[in-house]
Amino acid sequence: MTLTDLSPGETGIILNIEADTTLSNRLRELGLLDGIAVRMVKMAPLKGPVEIKVHHSYLSIRWDDAQTIRLQS
């Protein structure tokens, strides 16, 4: 299950990030760490950016980047 599988309002726990080192490091610097809860806020149509809530922050990330974030099922 990936972050893009969540519907708006649903929450998931990050299992890992399956991306190259550069992208993985960038996402981790934004607070997307293993074991952290994330909530899907909005999804743009046509595989546009997704808005998520991590801790007390709202982040918008690319659809392709969101698909690299694996969640616990």
Foldseek 3Di string as FASTA:
>chain_A
DFQVVDDAFDKFFFQAFQDDPVLRVVVVVVPNDHGWMKGWHDADPPQAWTWIDTDHDIDTDGSVRRRRTDTDD
